[in-house]
All heavy atoms as atom14 arrays in JSON, in Angstrom:
{
  "sequence": "SINVMGWYRQALGLQRELVAAIFSGGSTNYA",
  "atom14_mask": [
    [1, 1, 1, 1, 1, 1, 0, 0, 0, 0, 0, 0, 0, 0],
    [1, 1, 1, 1, 1, 1, 1, 1, 0, 0, 0, 0, 0, 0],
    [1, 1, 1, 1, 1, 1, 1, 1, 0, 0, 0, 0, 0, 0],
    [1, 1, 1, 1, 1, 1, 1, 0, 0, 0, 0, 0, 0, 0],
    [1, 1, 1, 1, 1, 1, 1, 1, 0, 0, 0, 0, 0, 0],
    [1, 1, 1, 1, 0, 0, 0, 0, 0, 0, 0, 0, 0, 0],
    [1, 1, 1, 1, 1, 1, 1, 1, 1, 1, 1, 1, 1, 1],
    [1, 1, 1, 1, 1, 1, 1, 1, 1, 1, 1, 1, 0, 0],
    [1, 1, 1, 1, 1, 1, 1, 1, 1, 1, 1, 0, 0, 0],
    [1, 1, 1, 1, 1, 1, 1, 1, 1, 0, 0, 0, 0, 0],
    [1, 1, 1, 1, 1, 0, 0, 0, 0, 0, 0, 0, 0, 0],
    [1, 1, 1, 1, 1, 1, 1, 1, 0, 0, 0, 0, 0, 0],
    [1, 1, 1, 1, 0, 0, 0, 0, 0, 0, 0, 0, 0, 0],
    [1, 1, 1, 1, 1, 1, 1, 1, 0, 0, 0, 0, 0, 0],
    [1, 1, 1, 1, 1, 1, 1, 1, 1, 0, 0, 0, 0, 0],
    [1, 1, 1, 1, 1, 1, 1, 1, 1, 1, 1, 0, 0, 0],
    [1, 1, 1, 1, 1, 1, 1, 1, 1, 0, 0, 0, 0, 0],
    [1, 1, 1, 1, 1, 1, 1, 1, 0, 0, 0, 0, 0, 0],
    [1, 1, 1, 1, 1, 1, 1, 0, 0, 0, 0, 0, 0, 0],
    [1, 1, 1, 1, 1, 0, 0, 0, 0, 0, 0, 0, 0, 0],
    [1, 1, 1, 1, 1, 0, 0, 0, 0, 0, 0, 0, 0, 0],
    [1, 1, 1, 1, 1, 1, 1, 1, 0, 0, 0, 0, 0, 0],
    [1, 1, 1, 1, 1, 1, 1, 1, 1, 1, 1, 0, 0, 0],
    [1, 1, 1, 1, 1, 1, 0, 0, 0, 0, 0, 0, 0, 0],
    [1, 1, 1, 1, 0, 0, 0, 0, 0, 0, 0, 0, 0, 0],
    [1, 1, 1, 1, 0, 0, 0, 0, 0, 0, 0, 0, 0, 0],
    [1, 1, 1, 1, 1, 1, 0, 0, 0, 0, 0, 0, 0, 0],
    [1, 1, 1, 1, 1, 1, 1, 0, 0, 0, 0, 0, 0, 0],
    [1, 1, 1, 1, 1, 1, 1, 1, 0, 0, 0, 0, 0, 0],
    [1, 1, 1, 1, 1, 1, 1, 1, 1, 1, 1, 1, 0, 0],
    [1, 1, 1, 1, 1, 0, 0, 0, 0, 0, 0, 0, 0, 0]
  ],
  "atom14_positions": [
    [[187.98, 138.44, 115.52], [187.59, 139.01, 114.3], [187.99, 138.24, 113.09], [187.65, 138.58, 112.0], [188.29, 140.52, 114.23], [189.72, 140.25, 114.13], [0.0, 0.0, 0.0], [0.0, 0.0, 0.0], [0.0, 0.0, 0.0], [0.0, 0.0, 0.0], [0.0, 0.0, 0.0], [0.0, 0.0, 0.0], [0.0, 0.0, 0.0], [0.0, 0.0, 0.0]],
    [[188.81, 137.24, 113.32], [189.35, 136.36, 112.14], [188.35, 135.51, 111.62], [187.75, 134.75, 112.25], [190.61, 135.68, 112.69], [191.65, 136.69, 113.15], [191.2, 134.84, 111.56], [192.77, 136.02, 113.91], [0.0, 0.0, 0.0], [0.0, 0.0, 0.0], [0.0, 0.0, 0.0], [0.0, 0.0, 0.0], [0.0, 0.0, 0.0], [0.0, 0.0, 0.0]],
    [[188.25, 135.56, 110.24], [187.38, 134.52, 109.47], [188.24, 133.51, 108.83], [187.77, 132.44, 108.61], [186.57, 135.37, 108.4], [185.59, 136.22, 108.98], [184.92, 135.97, 110.12], [185.35, 137.35, 108.34], [0.0, 0.0, 0.0], [0.0, 0.0, 0.0], [0.0, 0.0, 0.0], [0.0, 0.0, 0.0], [0.0, 0.0, 0.0], [0.0, 0.0, 0.0]],
    [[189.42, 133.81, 108.44], [190.19, 132.97, 107.76], [191.68, 133.11, 108.05], [192.14, 134.38, 108.24], [189.96, 132.99, 106.19], [190.31, 134.49, 105.71], [190.8, 132.03, 105.35], [0.0, 0.0, 0.0], [0.0, 0.0, 0.0], [0.0, 0.0, 0.0], [0.0, 0.0, 0.0], [0.0, 0.0, 0.0], [0.0, 0.0, 0.0], [0.0, 0.0, 0.0]],
    [[192.44, 132.08, 108.08], [193.83, 132.18, 108.34], [194.55, 131.38, 107.19], [193.93, 130.32, 106.69], [194.36, 131.65, 109.63], [193.85, 132.53, 110.79], [194.52, 132.02, 112.36], [196.18, 132.68, 112.2], [0.0, 0.0, 0.0], [0.0, 0.0, 0.0], [0.0, 0.0, 0.0], [0.0, 0.0, 0.0], [0.0, 0.0, 0.0], [0.0, 0.0, 0.0]],
    [[195.81, 131.72, 106.8], [196.38, 131.01, 105.67], [197.89, 131.21, 105.74], [198.45, 132.0, 106.5], [0.0, 0.0, 0.0], [0.0, 0.0, 0.0], [0.0, 0.0, 0.0], [0.0, 0.0, 0.0], [0.0, 0.0, 0.0], [0.0, 0.0, 0.0], [0.0, 0.0, 0.0], [0.0, 0.0, 0.0], [0.0, 0.0, 0.0], [0.0, 0.0, 0.0]],
    [[198.49, 130.3, 105.01], [199.94, 130.37, 104.75], [200.18, 130.7, 103.32], [199.66, 130.22, 102.43], [200.67, 129.08, 105.04], [200.64, 128.67, 106.46], [199.68, 127.8, 107.16], [201.49, 129.05, 107.47], [200.08, 127.78, 108.5], [201.17, 128.47, 108.71], [202.76, 129.88, 107.4], [201.83, 128.6, 109.94], [203.45, 130.1, 108.59], [203.07, 129.54, 109.83]],
    [[201.11, 131.77, 103.16], [201.52, 132.19, 101.86], [203.06, 131.94, 101.85], [203.74, 131.78, 102.86], [201.28, 133.67, 101.71], [199.72, 133.91, 101.38], [198.9, 133.86, 102.42], [199.26, 134.33, 100.11], [197.51, 134.2, 102.19], [198.04, 134.61, 99.99], [197.2, 134.54, 100.94], [195.79, 134.85, 100.74], [0.0, 0.0, 0.0], [0.0, 0.0, 0.0]],
    [[203.61, 131.95, 100.61], [205.06, 131.85, 100.43], [205.52, 132.71, 99.25], [204.76, 132.93, 98.43], [205.53, 130.43, 100.3], [205.13, 129.82, 98.97], [205.48, 128.32, 98.92], [205.15, 127.65, 97.7], [205.23, 126.35, 97.54], [205.77, 125.58, 98.51], [204.83, 125.79, 96.36], [0.0, 0.0, 0.0], [0.0, 0.0, 0.0], [0.0, 0.0, 0.0]],
    [[206.75, 133.08, 99.5], [207.38, 133.93, 98.36], [208.83, 133.55, 98.15], [209.55, 133.62, 98.98], [207.31, 135.44, 98.78], [207.73, 136.38, 97.63], [207.42, 137.82, 97.86], [207.14, 138.25, 99.13], [207.38, 138.61, 96.92], [0.0, 0.0, 0.0], [0.0, 0.0, 0.0], [0.0, 0.0, 0.0], [0.0, 0.0, 0.0], [0.0, 0.0, 0.0]],
    [[209.07, 132.95, 97.01], [210.33, 132.58, 96.59], [211.07, 133.77, 95.98], [210.4, 134.72, 95.46], [210.3, 131.4, 95.68], [0.0, 0.0, 0.0], [0.0, 0.0, 0.0], [0.0, 0.0, 0.0], [0.0, 0.0, 0.0], [0.0, 0.0, 0.0], [0.0, 0.0, 0.0], [0.0, 0.0, 0.0], [0.0, 0.0, 0.0], [0.0, 0.0, 0.0]],
    [[212.34, 133.65, 95.98], [213.27, 134.79, 95.47], [212.74, 135.15, 94.11], [212.79, 134.24, 93.23], [214.64, 134.39, 95.66], [215.71, 135.57, 95.48], [215.36, 136.56, 96.65], [217.08, 135.12, 95.48], [0.0, 0.0, 0.0], [0.0, 0.0, 0.0], [0.0, 0.0, 0.0], [0.0, 0.0, 0.0], [0.0, 0.0, 0.0], [0.0, 0.0, 0.0]],
    [[212.46, 136.38, 93.85], [212.07, 136.87, 92.5], [210.74, 136.44, 92.09], [210.35, 136.88, 90.9], [0.0, 0.0, 0.0], [0.0, 0.0, 0.0], [0.0, 0.0, 0.0], [0.0, 0.0, 0.0], [0.0, 0.0, 0.0], [0.0, 0.0, 0.0], [0.0, 0.0, 0.0], [0.0, 0.0, 0.0], [0.0, 0.0, 0.0], [0.0, 0.0, 0.0]],
    [[209.93, 135.85, 92.85], [208.52, 135.62, 92.49], [207.51, 136.15, 93.33], [207.88, 136.72, 94.38], [208.35, 133.96, 92.57], [209.19, 133.07, 91.8], [208.95, 131.59, 91.91], [209.16, 133.46, 90.26], [0.0, 0.0, 0.0], [0.0, 0.0, 0.0], [0.0, 0.0, 0.0], [0.0, 0.0, 0.0], [0.0, 0.0, 0.0], [0.0, 0.0, 0.0]],
    [[206.29, 136.15, 92.9], [205.19, 136.82, 93.62], [204.77, 135.92, 94.79], [204.97, 134.62, 94.83], [203.96, 137.08, 92.71], [204.15, 138.21, 91.68], [202.84, 138.46, 90.99], [202.04, 137.7, 90.79], [202.83, 139.69, 90.48], [0.0, 0.0, 0.0], [0.0, 0.0, 0.0], [0.0, 0.0, 0.0], [0.0, 0.0, 0.0], [0.0, 0.0, 0.0]],
    [[204.27, 136.59, 95.77], [203.6, 135.8, 97.04], [202.53, 134.94, 96.47], [201.62, 135.54, 95.79], [203.33, 136.81, 98.15], [203.02, 136.04, 99.37], [202.88, 137.07, 100.55], [204.17, 137.9, 100.77], [204.21, 138.69, 101.77], [203.23, 138.95, 102.66], [205.33, 139.46, 101.94], [0.0, 0.0, 0.0], [0.0, 0.0, 0.0], [0.0, 0.0, 0.0]],
    [[202.48, 133.73, 97.01], [201.35, 132.86, 96.59], [200.75, 132.15, 97.66], [201.41, 131.93, 98.7], [201.86, 131.83, 95.56], [202.98, 130.86, 96.15], [203.25, 129.77, 95.14], [202.68, 129.68, 94.05], [204.1, 128.84, 95.56], [0.0, 0.0, 0.0], [0.0, 0.0, 0.0], [0.0, 0.0, 0.0], [0.0, 0.0, 0.0], [0.0, 0.0, 0.0]],
    [[199.5, 131.92, 97.67], [198.72, 131.12, 98.64], [199.16, 129.7, 98.7], [199.25, 129.09, 97.59], [197.19, 131.26, 98.47], [196.39, 130.33, 99.43], [196.47, 131.0, 100.8], [194.85, 130.49, 98.97], [0.0, 0.0, 0.0], [0.0, 0.0, 0.0], [0.0, 0.0, 0.0], [0.0, 0.0, 0.0], [0.0, 0.0, 0.0], [0.0, 0.0, 0.0]],
    [[199.55, 129.17, 99.91], [199.88, 127.78, 99.96], [198.66, 127.0, 100.5], [198.23, 125.94, 99.89], [201.03, 127.56, 100.88], [201.28, 126.16, 101.25], [202.28, 128.28, 100.39], [0.0, 0.0, 0.0], [0.0, 0.0, 0.0], [0.0, 0.0, 0.0], [0.0, 0.0, 0.0], [0.0, 0.0, 0.0], [0.0, 0.0, 0.0], [0.0, 0.0, 0.0]],
    [[198.02, 127.51, 101.59], [196.95, 126.91, 102.19], [196.06, 127.78, 103.1], [196.68, 128.73, 103.55], [197.38, 125.58, 102.97], [0.0, 0.0, 0.0], [0.0, 0.0, 0.0], [0.0, 0.0, 0.0], [0.0, 0.0, 0.0], [0.0, 0.0, 0.0], [0.0, 0.0, 0.0], [0.0, 0.0, 0.0], [0.0, 0.0, 0.0], [0.0, 0.0, 0.0]],
    [[194.82, 127.55, 103.22], [194.0, 128.35, 103.95], [193.01, 127.5, 104.85], [192.59, 126.37, 104.39], [193.21, 129.39, 103.12], [0.0, 0.0, 0.0], [0.0, 0.0, 0.0], [0.0, 0.0, 0.0], [0.0, 0.0, 0.0], [0.0, 0.0, 0.0], [0.0, 0.0, 0.0], [0.0, 0.0, 0.0], [0.0, 0.0, 0.0], [0.0, 0.0, 0.0]],
    [[192.68, 128.02, 105.97], [191.63, 127.31, 106.8], [190.69, 128.38, 107.28], [190.86, 129.48, 107.78], [192.37, 126.58, 108.04], [191.28, 125.85, 108.84], [193.19, 127.55, 108.97], [191.98, 124.79, 109.78], [0.0, 0.0, 0.0], [0.0, 0.0, 0.0], [0.0, 0.0, 0.0], [0.0, 0.0, 0.0], [0.0, 0.0, 0.0], [0.0, 0.0, 0.0]],
    [[189.38, 128.1, 107.13], [188.35, 128.98, 107.44], [187.81, 128.72, 108.82], [188.06, 127.7, 109.45], [187.25, 128.91, 106.26], [187.78, 129.29, 104.97], [188.35, 128.38, 104.13], [187.56, 130.57, 104.42], [188.81, 128.77, 102.97], [188.03, 131.02, 103.27], [188.78, 130.04, 102.42], [0.0, 0.0, 0.0], [0.0, 0.0, 0.0], [0.0, 0.0, 0.0]],
    [[187.04, 129.66, 109.27], [186.62, 129.63, 110.67], [185.61, 128.35, 110.93], [185.56, 127.81, 112.03], [185.75, 130.85, 110.98], [184.66, 131.07, 110.08], [0.0, 0.0, 0.0], [0.0, 0.0, 0.0], [0.0, 0.0, 0.0], [0.0, 0.0, 0.0], [0.0, 0.0, 0.0], [0.0, 0.0, 0.0], [0.0, 0.0, 0.0], [0.0, 0.0, 0.0]],
    [[184.94, 127.84, 109.79], [184.17, 126.71, 110.0], [185.02, 125.45, 109.85], [184.4, 124.35, 110.03], [0.0, 0.0, 0.0], [0.0, 0.0, 0.0], [0.0, 0.0, 0.0], [0.0, 0.0, 0.0], [0.0, 0.0, 0.0], [0.0, 0.0, 0.0], [0.0, 0.0, 0.0], [0.0, 0.0, 0.0], [0.0, 0.0, 0.0], [0.0, 0.0, 0.0]],
    [[186.25, 125.5, 109.49], [187.1, 124.41, 109.53], [187.56, 123.86, 108.19], [188.4, 123.05, 107.96], [0.0, 0.0, 0.0], [0.0, 0.0, 0.0], [0.0, 0.0, 0.0], [0.0, 0.0, 0.0], [0.0, 0.0, 0.0], [0.0, 0.0, 0.0], [0.0, 0.0, 0.0], [0.0, 0.0, 0.0], [0.0, 0.0, 0.0], [0.0, 0.0, 0.0]],
    [[186.91, 124.4, 107.18], [187.22, 123.96, 105.83], [188.49, 124.36, 105.33], [189.08, 125.5, 105.86], [186.14, 124.38, 104.81], [186.02, 125.91, 104.76], [0.0, 0.0, 0.0], [0.0, 0.0, 0.0], [0.0, 0.0, 0.0], [0.0, 0.0, 0.0], [0.0, 0.0, 0.0], [0.0, 0.0, 0.0], [0.0, 0.0, 0.0], [0.0, 0.0, 0.0]],
    [[189.16, 123.74, 104.47], [190.52, 124.13, 104.09], [190.62, 124.12, 102.56], [189.81, 123.45, 101.83], [191.51, 123.12, 104.56], [191.31, 121.77, 104.12], [191.59, 123.06, 106.17], [0.0, 0.0, 0.0], [0.0, 0.0, 0.0], [0.0, 0.0, 0.0], [0.0, 0.0, 0.0], [0.0, 0.0, 0.0], [0.0, 0.0, 0.0], [0.0, 0.0, 0.0]],
    [[191.62, 124.77, 102.03], [192.06, 124.57, 100.63], [193.5, 124.79, 100.46], [194.17, 125.32, 101.3], [191.27, 125.54, 99.64], [191.54, 127.0, 99.91], [192.66, 127.4, 100.33], [190.53, 127.84, 99.73], [0.0, 0.0, 0.0], [0.0, 0.0, 0.0], [0.0, 0.0, 0.0], [0.0, 0.0, 0.0], [0.0, 0.0, 0.0], [0.0, 0.0, 0.0]],
    [[194.03, 124.15, 99.41], [195.37, 124.1, 99.17], [195.82, 124.49, 97.78], [194.99, 124.18, 96.79], [195.86, 122.6, 99.41], [195.76, 122.17, 100.82], [194.51, 121.41, 101.27], [196.72, 122.35, 101.7], [194.49, 121.13, 102.56], [196.65, 121.78, 103.01], [195.42, 121.35, 103.45], [195.27, 120.83, 104.69], [0.0, 0.0, 0.0], [0.0, 0.0, 0.0]],
    [[196.99, 125.02, 97.6], [197.49, 125.07, 96.28], [197.66, 123.74, 95.66], [198.1, 122.72, 96.36], [198.78, 125.95, 96.23], [0.0, 0.0, 0.0], [0.0, 0.0, 0.0], [0.0, 0.0, 0.0], [0.0, 0.0, 0.0], [0.0, 0.0, 0.0], [0.0, 0.0, 0.0], [0.0, 0.0, 0.0], [0.0, 0.0, 0.0], [0.0, 0.0, 0.0]]
  ]
}
């Protein structure tokens, strides 16, 4: 069922942010 997977991070006192993502076709994007 998964189309995309990614890594997020949250530093103390900050909002969670996207670090990197990989899509089912293999494409990627990065912060």
